[in-house]
Every structure is written in structure tokens, then in C-alpha cells.
Amino acid sequence: MIAIDTGYFLALLNERDAYHQRAQDWLSSSSEGWITTWPVVTETSYMIGRLGETVRHDFIADLVSGEIVIWDIPSEAARKIPVLTQKFAKLPMDLADASLVLLAEHLGHGRILTTDQRDFGAYRWKSTKPFVNLMAQT
């Protein structure tokens, strides 16, 4: 499964976004499943509000269809969030990004679709393992 960040969702849903075509290409060519976290869903839902209520409604409808898995962060993993946000405070790291670091640890890989090349270029899962930003490779 490939992890999905807010930036990917925003690019996919906004035709004027600089990454829109890349996001569309991934949507049409990927045969792997996609997974994200509730903090990413919440952040995305808030941020796409500027695109209109129809876009927000369609995003939520797509999520409940089950095509994208939404990972629930276990309590023991959630305890790492303050440590992560402190470690990457200079960027800074928000809750959505911290949840994706935990997701990478859960999946055992850091393959992600994101437009946030700076932060996900700096973040490490399991403290030392870099993310592989698939959006940067197209």
C-alpha cells in the first residue's frame, strides 16, 4: 500500500495545482492500494473547503467508498507523536505528518505520494529510514 499525504489529495482535487497532472497520472496508473490517516483526512477536508462544498462532499464520498484505507493510530504508537513533533520542530512537523511517520513504521516502508518534498525529504521513520516520495519520481 502507498501512503497518501494531504498535498497529494489537494493536487488531485484542484485542477490549478502545479502537481495536478502528476496526481492524476498516479490515480490512473497505480494498481496498488492507498492508505492514509485520520489526521490527513481531517486536514484535507478542511483545506479543500476553499475549492467548494461539492469538492469536499465528493472527497468524503470517495473515502467512505473504501477505496482508500484509513489507518487508525494505535494508542501505543500515538505516544510517539510528541517525540516526533519535538524532533522535527524546526520544520515544523504537524499532527498529520507525524501520523504518516507512524504509518510508515506500521507498513514497514516509506513509500508516499506527497507534494511536500522538503518535509518528507527530512523526516525519517524508525529514526533513520527515509521516505520515498513517489510524486518526486515522475
C-alpha atoms as a PDB file:
ATOM      1  CA  MET A   1       0.000   0.000   0.000  1.00  0.00           C
ATOM      2  CA  ILE A   2       1.109   3.538  -0.736  1.00  0.00           C
ATOM      3  CA  ALA A   3       0.751   6.241   1.937  1.00  0.00           C
ATOM      4  CA  ILE A   4      -1.100   9.401   0.885  1.00  0.00           C
ATOM      5  CA  ASP A   5      -0.465  12.899   2.254  1.00  0.00           C
ATOM      6  CA  THR A   6      -2.709  15.965   2.183  1.00  0.00           C
ATOM      7  CA  GLY A   7      -0.666  17.577  -0.594  1.00  0.00           C
ATOM      8  CA  TYR A   8      -1.454  14.701  -2.931  1.00  0.00           C
ATOM      9  CA  PHE A   9      -5.186  14.976  -2.260  1.00  0.00           C
ATOM     10  CA  LEU A  10      -5.091  18.761  -2.784  1.00  0.00           C
ATOM     11  CA  ALA A  11      -3.227  18.373  -6.078  1.00  0.00           C
ATOM     12  CA  LEU A  12      -5.647  15.716  -7.260  1.00  0.00           C
ATOM     13  CA  LEU A  13      -8.723  17.788  -6.443  1.00  0.00           C
ATOM     14  CA  ASN A  14      -7.505  21.192  -7.663  1.00  0.00           C
ATOM     15  CA  GLU A  15      -7.051  21.473 -11.430  1.00  0.00           C
ATOM     16  CA  ARG A  16      -4.991  24.655 -10.940  1.00  0.00           C
ATOM     17  CA  ASP A  17      -2.462  22.959  -8.635  1.00  0.00           C
ATOM     18  CA  ALA A  18       1.051  22.665 -10.097  1.00  0.00           C
ATOM     19  CA  TYR A  19       1.075  18.942  -9.235  1.00  0.00           C
ATOM     20  CA  HIS A  20      -2.422  18.186 -10.575  1.00  0.00           C
ATOM     21  CA  GLN A  21      -1.295  16.288 -13.682  1.00  0.00           C
ATOM     22  CA  ARG A  22       1.178  14.164 -11.710  1.00  0.00           C
ATOM     23  CA  ALA A  23      -1.535  13.374  -9.179  1.00  0.00           C
ATOM     24  CA  GLN A  24      -3.914  12.404 -11.995  1.00  0.00           C
ATOM     25  CA  ASP A  25      -1.223  10.205 -13.554  1.00  0.00           C
ATOM     26  CA  TRP A  26      -0.785   8.329 -10.267  1.00  0.00           C
ATOM     27  CA  LEU A  27      -4.525   7.909  -9.904  1.00  0.00           C
ATOM     28  CA  SER A  28      -4.854   6.343 -13.341  1.00  0.00           C
ATOM     29  CA  SER A  29      -1.700   4.219 -13.318  1.00  0.00           C
ATOM     30  CA  SER A  30      -1.368   2.848  -9.793  1.00  0.00           C
ATOM     31  CA  SER A  31      -2.535  -0.680  -9.168  1.00  0.00           C
ATOM     32  CA  GLU A  32      -1.500  -0.654  -5.503  1.00  0.00           C
ATOM     33  CA  GLY A  33      -3.848   0.151  -2.671  1.00  0.00           C
ATOM     34  CA  TRP A  34      -3.714   3.508  -0.945  1.00  0.00           C
ATOM     35  CA  ILE A  35      -3.713   4.256   2.759  1.00  0.00           C
ATOM     36  CA  THR A  36      -3.786   7.410   4.850  1.00  0.00           C
ATOM     37  CA  THR A  37      -4.599   8.500   8.401  1.00  0.00           C
ATOM     38  CA  TRP A  38      -7.466  10.319  10.083  1.00  0.00           C
ATOM     39  CA  PRO A  39      -5.326  13.438  10.741  1.00  0.00           C
ATOM     40  CA  VAL A  40      -4.583  13.629   6.989  1.00  0.00           C
ATOM     41  CA  VAL A  41      -8.282  13.201   6.165  1.00  0.00           C
ATOM     42  CA  THR A  42      -9.207  15.971   8.602  1.00  0.00           C
ATOM     43  CA  GLU A  43      -6.523  18.341   7.308  1.00  0.00           C
ATOM     44  CA  THR A  44      -7.510  17.657   3.703  1.00  0.00           C
ATOM     45  CA  SER A  45     -11.216  18.117   4.365  1.00  0.00           C
ATOM     46  CA  TYR A  46     -10.517  21.491   5.946  1.00  0.00           C
ATOM     47  CA  MET A  47      -8.107  22.667   3.240  1.00  0.00           C
ATOM     48  CA  ILE A  48     -10.307  21.725   0.278  1.00  0.00           C
ATOM     49  CA  GLY A  49     -13.097  23.880   1.659  1.00  0.00           C
ATOM     50  CA  ARG A  50     -11.749  26.726  -0.461  1.00  0.00           C
ATOM     51  CA  LEU A  51     -12.484  24.610  -3.555  1.00  0.00           C
ATOM     52  CA  GLY A  52     -16.169  24.440  -2.654  1.00  0.00           C
ATOM     53  CA  GLU A  53     -18.566  22.239  -0.773  1.00  0.00           C
ATOM     54  CA  THR A  54     -19.131  19.958  -3.770  1.00  0.00           C
ATOM     55  CA  VAL A  55     -15.430  19.067  -3.828  1.00  0.00           C
ATOM     56  CA  ARG A  56     -15.444  18.424  -0.079  1.00  0.00           C
ATOM     57  CA  HIS A  57     -18.570  16.278  -0.361  1.00  0.00           C
ATOM     58  CA  ASP A  58     -17.082  14.253  -3.237  1.00  0.00           C
ATOM     59  CA  PHE A  59     -13.837  13.741  -1.286  1.00  0.00           C
ATOM     60  CA  ILE A  60     -15.729  12.406   1.724  1.00  0.00           C
ATOM     61  CA  ALA A  61     -17.904  10.192  -0.505  1.00  0.00           C
ATOM     62  CA  ASP A  62     -14.774   8.724  -2.118  1.00  0.00           C
ATOM     63  CA  LEU A  63     -13.316   7.976   1.311  1.00  0.00           C
ATOM     64  CA  VAL A  64     -16.353   6.109   2.551  1.00  0.00           C
ATOM     65  CA  SER A  65     -16.369   4.013  -0.632  1.00  0.00           C
ATOM     66  CA  GLY A  66     -13.450   2.109   0.886  1.00  0.00           C
ATOM     67  CA  GLU A  67     -11.015   2.574  -1.990  1.00  0.00           C
ATOM     68  CA  ILE A  68      -8.615   4.351   0.353  1.00  0.00           C
ATOM     69  CA  VAL A  69      -7.861   2.667   3.670  1.00  0.00           C
ATOM     70  CA  ILE A  70      -7.848   4.987   6.676  1.00  0.00           C
ATOM     71  CA  TRP A  71      -5.469   3.691   9.353  1.00  0.00           C
ATOM     72  CA  ASP A  72      -6.407   4.165  12.988  1.00  0.00           C
ATOM     73  CA  ILE A  73      -3.324   5.038  15.028  1.00  0.00           C
ATOM     74  CA  PRO A  74      -2.958   2.589  17.927  1.00  0.00           C
ATOM     75  CA  SER A  75      -2.567   4.193  21.369  1.00  0.00           C
ATOM     76  CA  GLU A  76       0.967   2.883  21.846  1.00  0.00           C
ATOM     77  CA  ALA A  77       2.070   4.383  18.516  1.00  0.00           C
ATOM     78  CA  ALA A  78       0.291   7.690  19.231  1.00  0.00           C
ATOM     79  CA  ARG A  79       2.530   8.157  22.270  1.00  0.00           C
ATOM     80  CA  LYS A  80       5.412   8.759  19.834  1.00  0.00           C
ATOM     81  CA  ILE A  81       3.747  11.854  18.314  1.00  0.00           C
ATOM     82  CA  PRO A  82       5.109  14.385  20.856  1.00  0.00           C
ATOM     83  CA  VAL A  83       8.600  12.925  20.424  1.00  0.00           C
ATOM     84  CA  LEU A  84       8.365  13.220  16.635  1.00  0.00           C
ATOM     85  CA  THR A  85       6.996  16.758  16.653  1.00  0.00           C
ATOM     86  CA  GLN A  86       9.775  17.822  19.028  1.00  0.00           C
ATOM     87  CA  LYS A  87      12.445  16.112  16.917  1.00  0.00           C
ATOM     88  CA  PHE A  88      11.285  17.905  13.757  1.00  0.00           C
ATOM     89  CA  ALA A  89      10.175  21.152  15.429  1.00  0.00           C
ATOM     90  CA  LYS A  90      12.304  23.316  13.128  1.00  0.00           C
ATOM     91  CA  LEU A  91      10.274  22.309  10.056  1.00  0.00           C
ATOM     92  CA  PRO A  92       7.763  22.159  11.995  1.00  0.00           C
ATOM     93  CA  MET A  93       6.044  18.770  11.946  1.00  0.00           C
ATOM     94  CA  ASP A  94       2.270  18.792  12.353  1.00  0.00           C
ATOM     95  CA  LEU A  95      -0.056  16.029  13.530  1.00  0.00           C
ATOM     96  CA  ALA A  96      -0.883  14.839  10.002  1.00  0.00           C
ATOM     97  CA  ASP A  97       2.802  14.454   9.100  1.00  0.00           C
ATOM     98  CA  ALA A  98       3.585  12.714  12.390  1.00  0.00           C
ATOM     99  CA  SER A  99       0.749  10.281  11.713  1.00  0.00           C
ATOM    100  CA  LEU A 100       2.311   9.417   8.346  1.00  0.00           C
ATOM    101  CA  VAL A 101       5.664   8.691  10.002  1.00  0.00           C
ATOM    102  CA  LEU A 102       3.842   6.280  12.313  1.00  0.00           C
ATOM    103  CA  LEU A 103       2.030   4.791   9.323  1.00  0.00           C
ATOM    104  CA  ALA A 104       5.359   4.164   7.564  1.00  0.00           C
ATOM    105  CA  GLU A 105       6.589   2.346  10.663  1.00  0.00           C
ATOM    106  CA  HIS A 106       3.408   0.265  10.673  1.00  0.00           C
ATOM    107  CA  LEU A 107       3.720  -0.563   6.947  1.00  0.00           C
ATOM    108  CA  GLY A 108       7.458  -1.199   7.101  1.00  0.00           C
ATOM    109  CA  HIS A 109       8.178   1.199   4.227  1.00  0.00           C
ATOM    110  CA  GLY A 110       8.158   4.905   3.490  1.00  0.00           C
ATOM    111  CA  ARG A 111       6.635   4.970   0.007  1.00  0.00           C
ATOM    112  CA  ILE A 112       4.413   8.042  -0.110  1.00  0.00           C
ATOM    113  CA  LEU A 113       2.551  10.314  -2.511  1.00  0.00           C
ATOM    114  CA  THR A 114       3.082  13.896  -1.355  1.00  0.00           C
ATOM    115  CA  THR A 115       3.860  17.325  -2.762  1.00  0.00           C
ATOM    116  CA  ASP A 116       5.752  18.199   0.439  1.00  0.00           C
ATOM    117  CA  GLN A 117       9.236  17.384  -0.767  1.00  0.00           C
ATOM    118  CA  ARG A 118      11.042  19.457   1.873  1.00  0.00           C
ATOM    119  CA  ASP A 119       9.462  17.896   4.942  1.00  0.00           C
ATOM    120  CA  PHE A 120       9.215  14.321   3.707  1.00  0.00           C
ATOM    121  CA  GLY A 121      12.786  14.637   2.472  1.00  0.00           C
ATOM    122  CA  ALA A 122      13.819  15.367   6.066  1.00  0.00           C
ATOM    123  CA  TYR A 123      11.508  13.049   8.032  1.00  0.00           C
ATOM    124  CA  ARG A 124      12.741   9.603   8.982  1.00  0.00           C
ATOM    125  CA  TRP A 125      10.662   6.630  10.045  1.00  0.00           C
ATOM    126  CA  LYS A 126      12.179   4.202  12.544  1.00  0.00           C
ATOM    127  CA  SER A 127      14.505   7.193  13.220  1.00  0.00           C
ATOM    128  CA  THR A 128      16.814   6.546  10.262  1.00  0.00           C
ATOM    129  CA  LYS A 129      14.828   5.374   7.239  1.00  0.00           C
ATOM    130  CA  PRO A 130      13.983   7.982   4.588  1.00  0.00           C
ATOM    131  CA  PHE A 131      10.686   8.336   2.791  1.00  0.00           C
ATOM    132  CA  VAL A 132      10.470   7.589  -0.926  1.00  0.00           C
ATOM    133  CA  ASN A 133       8.357  10.356  -2.415  1.00  0.00           C
ATOM    134  CA  LEU A 134       6.777   8.796  -5.481  1.00  0.00           C
ATOM    135  CA  MET A 135       5.478  12.179  -6.683  1.00  0.00           C
ATOM    136  CA  ALA A 136       9.061  13.409  -6.996  1.00  0.00           C
ATOM    137  CA  GLN A 137       9.961  10.479  -9.234  1.00  0.00           C
ATOM    138  CA  THR A 138       7.528  11.214 -12.066  1.00  0.00           C
END
